[in-house]
């Protein structure tokens, strides 16, 4: 390649052309990743905030859970106040179910937020090393019931667990174990109402003090399913 004219050579040196040639593909790749993240966030926000109709519609449960996790991402990632809360997903191969998506997303966010609160409470008095050895974790598992009539959604944390007297009242209206100003006692009561009254499903809590808590949600795949619900583990 012939030597460039002096003016061109001077401009090449000024803009560091060789660096730009090496860096430009990386910059474009970073921009593509950024666009993908923005598109993913936009899709998740639309999924979470979708308005319900007067009738049930087909909905991908996993998309609803994933959008909820994204909404709560700021409370899951590590910060100056706490370590990262790990999310473990164990999703079955499920078909869409007929439901009110917006209402179910509200159920998911209430239960997941409750699990995050429990994990934050469990960290009080624990050392950084202790938390690293037994990190905060929320496991979300979905599966189809044995008769294929219901979807079972299990959301489990490894927090402090609940006493028996708390478990008996956990879905009661205005009941809360949180300090004044930190909880209304409405979240889990609303979740119970949406699952049981709006979707003819069932919701239960399994918990052992010191070992964590699991919420189990059963939702009919199709409306007006009359099969008996079983919330116990298979």
Protein backbone atom coordinates (compact mmCIF):
# COMPACT_ATOMS: atom_id res chain seq x y z
CA UNK A 1 0.00 0.00 0.00
CA UNK A 2 1.49 3.38 -1.00
CA UNK A 3 2.35 5.89 1.69
CA UNK A 4 -0.57 8.32 2.29
CA UNK A 5 -0.28 12.00 1.65
CA UNK A 6 1.18 14.00 4.57
CA UNK A 7 -2.20 15.54 5.47
CA UNK A 8 -3.86 12.11 5.52
CA UNK A 9 -1.00 10.58 7.50
CA UNK A 10 -1.29 13.37 10.07
CA UNK A 11 -5.05 12.78 10.44
CA UNK A 12 -4.52 9.00 10.77
CA UNK A 13 -2.08 9.64 13.59
CA UNK A 14 -4.45 12.12 15.25
CA UNK A 15 -7.39 9.74 15.35
CA UNK A 16 -5.29 6.64 16.06
CA UNK A 17 -6.76 4.72 13.14
CA UNK A 18 -5.22 1.39 14.08
CA UNK A 19 -6.85 1.53 17.52
CA UNK A 20 -10.21 2.43 15.98
CA UNK A 21 -9.99 -0.47 13.54
CA UNK A 22 -9.39 -2.87 16.42
CA UNK A 23 -11.90 -1.31 18.79
CA UNK A 24 -14.82 -0.68 16.43
CA UNK A 25 -15.94 -4.36 16.15
CA UNK A 26 -15.90 -4.62 19.96
CA UNK A 27 -17.94 -1.43 20.24
CA UNK A 28 -20.51 -2.68 17.74
CA UNK A 29 -20.73 -6.01 19.60
CA UNK A 30 -21.31 -4.17 22.90
CA UNK A 31 -24.03 -2.08 21.27
CA UNK A 32 -25.74 -5.24 19.97
CA UNK A 33 -25.68 -6.75 23.46
CA UNK A 34 -27.10 -3.53 24.90
CA UNK A 35 -29.94 -3.54 22.38
CA UNK A 36 -30.70 -7.18 23.22
CA UNK A 37 -30.82 -6.35 26.94
CA UNK A 38 -33.14 -3.39 26.34
CA UNK A 39 -35.43 -5.54 24.18
CA UNK A 40 -35.47 -8.25 26.86
CA UNK A 41 -36.31 -5.72 29.57
CA UNK A 42 -39.03 -4.17 27.42
CA UNK A 43 -40.58 -7.57 26.70
CA UNK A 44 -40.45 -8.55 30.36
CA UNK A 45 -42.06 -5.28 31.47
CA UNK A 46 -44.88 -5.74 28.95
CA UNK A 47 -45.38 -9.30 30.16
CA UNK A 48 -45.52 -8.24 33.79
CA UNK A 49 -47.77 -5.21 33.33
CA UNK A 50 -50.23 -6.63 30.82
CA UNK A 51 -53.83 -5.74 31.54
CA UNK A 52 -56.28 -8.56 32.15
CA UNK A 53 -59.45 -9.04 30.14
CA UNK A 54 -62.83 -10.01 31.53
CA UNK A 55 -62.02 -13.57 30.51
CA UNK A 56 -59.04 -15.87 30.93
CA UNK A 57 -56.42 -16.07 28.20
CA UNK A 58 -53.57 -18.45 27.37
CA UNK A 59 -50.37 -17.53 29.18
CA UNK A 60 -46.85 -18.88 29.53
CA UNK A 61 -46.29 -19.21 33.28
CA UNK A 62 -42.51 -19.15 32.89
CA UNK A 63 -42.62 -15.80 31.09
CA UNK A 64 -44.62 -14.39 33.99
CA UNK A 65 -42.15 -15.68 36.58
CA UNK A 66 -39.15 -14.46 34.58
CA UNK A 67 -40.63 -10.99 34.16
CA UNK A 68 -41.25 -10.82 37.90
CA UNK A 69 -37.67 -11.82 38.68
CA UNK A 70 -36.46 -9.06 36.38
CA UNK A 71 -38.65 -6.51 38.19
CA UNK A 72 -37.05 -7.59 41.48
CA UNK A 73 -33.51 -7.71 40.07
CA UNK A 74 -32.42 -4.67 42.09
CA UNK A 75 -33.15 -6.59 45.30
CA UNK A 76 -31.47 -9.79 44.13
CA UNK A 77 -28.11 -8.48 42.98
CA UNK A 78 -25.26 -7.80 45.39
CA UNK A 79 -24.98 -4.33 46.92
CA UNK A 80 -23.29 -2.58 49.82
CA UNK A 81 -26.06 -3.86 52.08
CA UNK A 82 -26.23 -7.54 51.13
CA UNK A 83 -24.78 -10.33 49.02
CA UNK A 84 -26.41 -11.61 45.88
CA UNK A 85 -29.53 -13.75 46.22
CA UNK A 86 -29.24 -16.64 43.79
CA UNK A 87 -32.26 -17.66 41.73
CA UNK A 88 -32.38 -21.33 40.74
CA UNK A 89 -34.95 -22.26 38.09
CA UNK A 90 -36.19 -25.79 37.55
CA UNK A 91 -38.81 -25.42 34.85
CA UNK A 92 -40.77 -28.31 33.40
CA UNK A 93 -41.86 -28.35 29.77
CA UNK A 94 -45.29 -26.79 30.26
CA UNK A 95 -47.93 -25.68 27.81
CA UNK A 96 -49.69 -22.35 28.28
CA UNK A 97 -52.54 -22.27 30.80
CA UNK A 98 -55.76 -20.26 30.74
CA UNK A 99 -55.66 -17.58 33.41
CA UNK A 100 -55.57 -13.87 34.24
CA UNK A 101 -51.86 -13.15 33.59
CA UNK A 102 -51.69 -9.77 35.30
CA UNK A 103 -53.16 -11.18 38.50
CA UNK A 104 -50.81 -14.17 38.51
CA UNK A 105 -47.83 -11.87 38.05
CA UNK A 106 -49.02 -10.07 41.18
CA UNK A 107 -49.02 -13.40 43.02
CA UNK A 108 -45.47 -14.15 41.89
CA UNK A 109 -44.12 -10.75 42.90
CA UNK A 110 -45.80 -10.91 46.34
CA UNK A 111 -44.36 -14.35 47.10
CA UNK A 112 -40.90 -13.63 45.70
CA UNK A 113 -40.70 -10.30 47.54
CA UNK A 114 -41.72 -12.12 50.72
CA UNK A 115 -38.92 -14.66 50.15
CA UNK A 116 -36.39 -11.85 49.67
CA UNK A 117 -37.55 -10.23 52.91
CA UNK A 118 -37.13 -13.57 54.72
CA UNK A 119 -33.59 -13.99 53.38
CA UNK A 120 -32.63 -10.45 54.37
CA UNK A 121 -33.96 -11.10 57.87
CA UNK A 122 -32.04 -14.40 58.04
CA UNK A 123 -28.77 -12.55 57.37
CA UNK A 124 -29.07 -10.41 60.48
CA UNK A 125 -26.30 -11.44 62.88
CA UNK A 126 -24.57 -13.69 60.34
CA UNK A 127 -20.99 -13.07 59.26
CA UNK A 128 -19.96 -12.42 55.67
CA UNK A 129 -18.11 -15.75 55.64
CA UNK A 130 -21.13 -17.64 56.97
CA UNK A 131 -23.37 -16.20 54.26
CA UNK A 132 -20.79 -17.11 51.61
CA UNK A 133 -20.69 -20.70 52.86
CA UNK A 134 -24.50 -20.94 52.85
CA UNK A 135 -25.56 -18.35 50.24
CA UNK A 136 -29.05 -16.93 49.98
CA UNK A 137 -31.06 -18.87 47.44
CA UNK A 138 -34.57 -18.92 46.00
CA UNK A 139 -35.58 -21.97 43.99
CA UNK A 140 -38.49 -21.79 41.56
CA UNK A 141 -39.76 -25.15 40.30
CA UNK A 142 -42.66 -25.89 37.98
CA UNK A 143 -44.18 -29.23 37.09
CA UNK A 144 -47.36 -30.81 35.80
CA UNK A 145 -49.52 -32.76 38.23
CA UNK A 146 -49.76 -36.53 37.80
CA UNK A 147 -53.19 -36.22 36.18
CA UNK A 148 -51.98 -33.38 33.90
CA UNK A 149 -54.87 -31.19 35.08
CA UNK A 150 -52.83 -28.75 37.18
CA UNK A 151 -49.57 -26.87 37.10
CA UNK A 152 -47.64 -26.90 40.37
CA UNK A 153 -45.37 -23.91 41.09
CA UNK A 154 -43.02 -24.16 44.06
CA UNK A 155 -41.12 -21.10 45.31
CA UNK A 156 -38.67 -21.99 48.07
CA UNK A 157 -36.13 -19.97 50.05
CA UNK A 158 -33.44 -21.08 52.47
CA UNK A 159 -34.21 -18.36 54.99
CA UNK A 160 -35.22 -18.52 58.62
CA UNK A 161 -38.51 -20.37 58.15
CA UNK A 162 -41.74 -19.86 60.07
CA UNK A 163 -43.19 -20.91 63.39
CA UNK A 164 -46.34 -23.04 63.28
CA UNK A 165 -48.51 -20.22 64.59
CA UNK A 166 -47.28 -17.93 61.81
CA UNK A 167 -47.95 -20.56 59.13
CA UNK A 168 -51.55 -20.83 60.29
CA UNK A 169 -52.14 -17.09 59.84
CA UNK A 170 -49.90 -16.30 56.88
CA UNK A 171 -52.74 -15.83 54.37
CA UNK A 172 -54.99 -13.88 56.73
CA UNK A 173 -55.97 -10.33 55.78
CA UNK A 174 -53.71 -7.70 57.45
CA UNK A 175 -51.55 -10.33 59.19
CA UNK A 176 -47.84 -9.50 59.02
CA UNK A 177 -44.68 -10.37 60.93
CA UNK A 178 -42.88 -7.27 59.68
CA UNK A 179 -42.21 -4.17 61.77
CA UNK A 180 -44.62 -1.25 61.65
CA UNK A 181 -44.24 0.60 58.37
CA UNK A 182 -42.52 -2.30 56.58
CA UNK A 183 -45.48 -4.50 55.74
CA UNK A 184 -49.23 -4.16 55.22
CA UNK A 185 -50.24 -7.78 55.65
CA UNK A 186 -52.00 -7.65 52.26
CA UNK A 187 -49.53 -9.29 49.87
CA UNK A 188 -50.06 -12.96 50.72
CA UNK A 189 -53.76 -12.46 51.44
CA UNK A 190 -54.16 -11.03 47.93
CA UNK A 191 -52.12 -13.90 46.50
CA UNK A 192 -54.43 -16.39 48.21
CA UNK A 193 -57.51 -14.63 46.88
CA UNK A 194 -56.20 -14.53 43.31
CA UNK A 195 -55.17 -18.20 43.28
CA UNK A 196 -58.20 -19.64 45.08
CA UNK A 197 -61.10 -17.35 44.17
CA UNK A 198 -60.07 -16.07 40.75
CA UNK A 199 -58.40 -19.21 39.39
CA UNK A 200 -60.01 -22.03 41.42
CA UNK A 201 -56.57 -23.23 42.40
CA UNK A 202 -54.86 -23.73 45.75
CA UNK A 203 -51.91 -22.28 47.63
CA UNK A 204 -50.15 -23.64 50.70
CA UNK A 205 -46.99 -23.00 52.68
CA UNK A 206 -44.48 -25.57 53.94
CA UNK A 207 -41.91 -24.31 56.41
CA UNK A 208 -39.54 -25.51 59.09
CA UNK A 209 -38.07 -23.00 61.50
CA UNK A 210 -34.43 -22.45 60.64
CA UNK A 211 -34.64 -24.30 57.32
CA UNK A 212 -36.59 -22.02 55.01
CA UNK A 213 -40.05 -21.71 53.50
CA UNK A 214 -41.77 -23.08 50.42
CA UNK A 215 -44.95 -21.76 48.83
CA UNK A 216 -46.79 -24.25 46.64
CA UNK A 217 -49.29 -22.98 44.07
CA UNK A 218 -51.64 -25.23 42.11
CA UNK A 219 -53.33 -23.78 39.04
CA UNK A 220 -55.75 -25.57 36.72
CA UNK A 221 -54.51 -25.87 33.17
CA UNK A 222 -58.00 -25.07 31.92
CA UNK A 223 -60.89 -23.21 33.65
CA UNK A 224 -63.49 -24.99 35.78
CA UNK A 225 -61.32 -28.01 36.52
CA UNK A 226 -62.99 -30.04 39.25
CA UNK A 227 -60.15 -32.47 39.99
CA UNK A 228 -59.14 -32.57 43.64
CA UNK A 229 -56.02 -30.60 44.39
CA UNK A 230 -53.01 -32.14 46.06
CA UNK A 231 -50.39 -29.77 47.42
CA UNK A 232 -48.11 -32.36 48.91
CA UNK A 233 -44.82 -33.24 47.26
CA UNK A 234 -44.98 -36.26 44.94
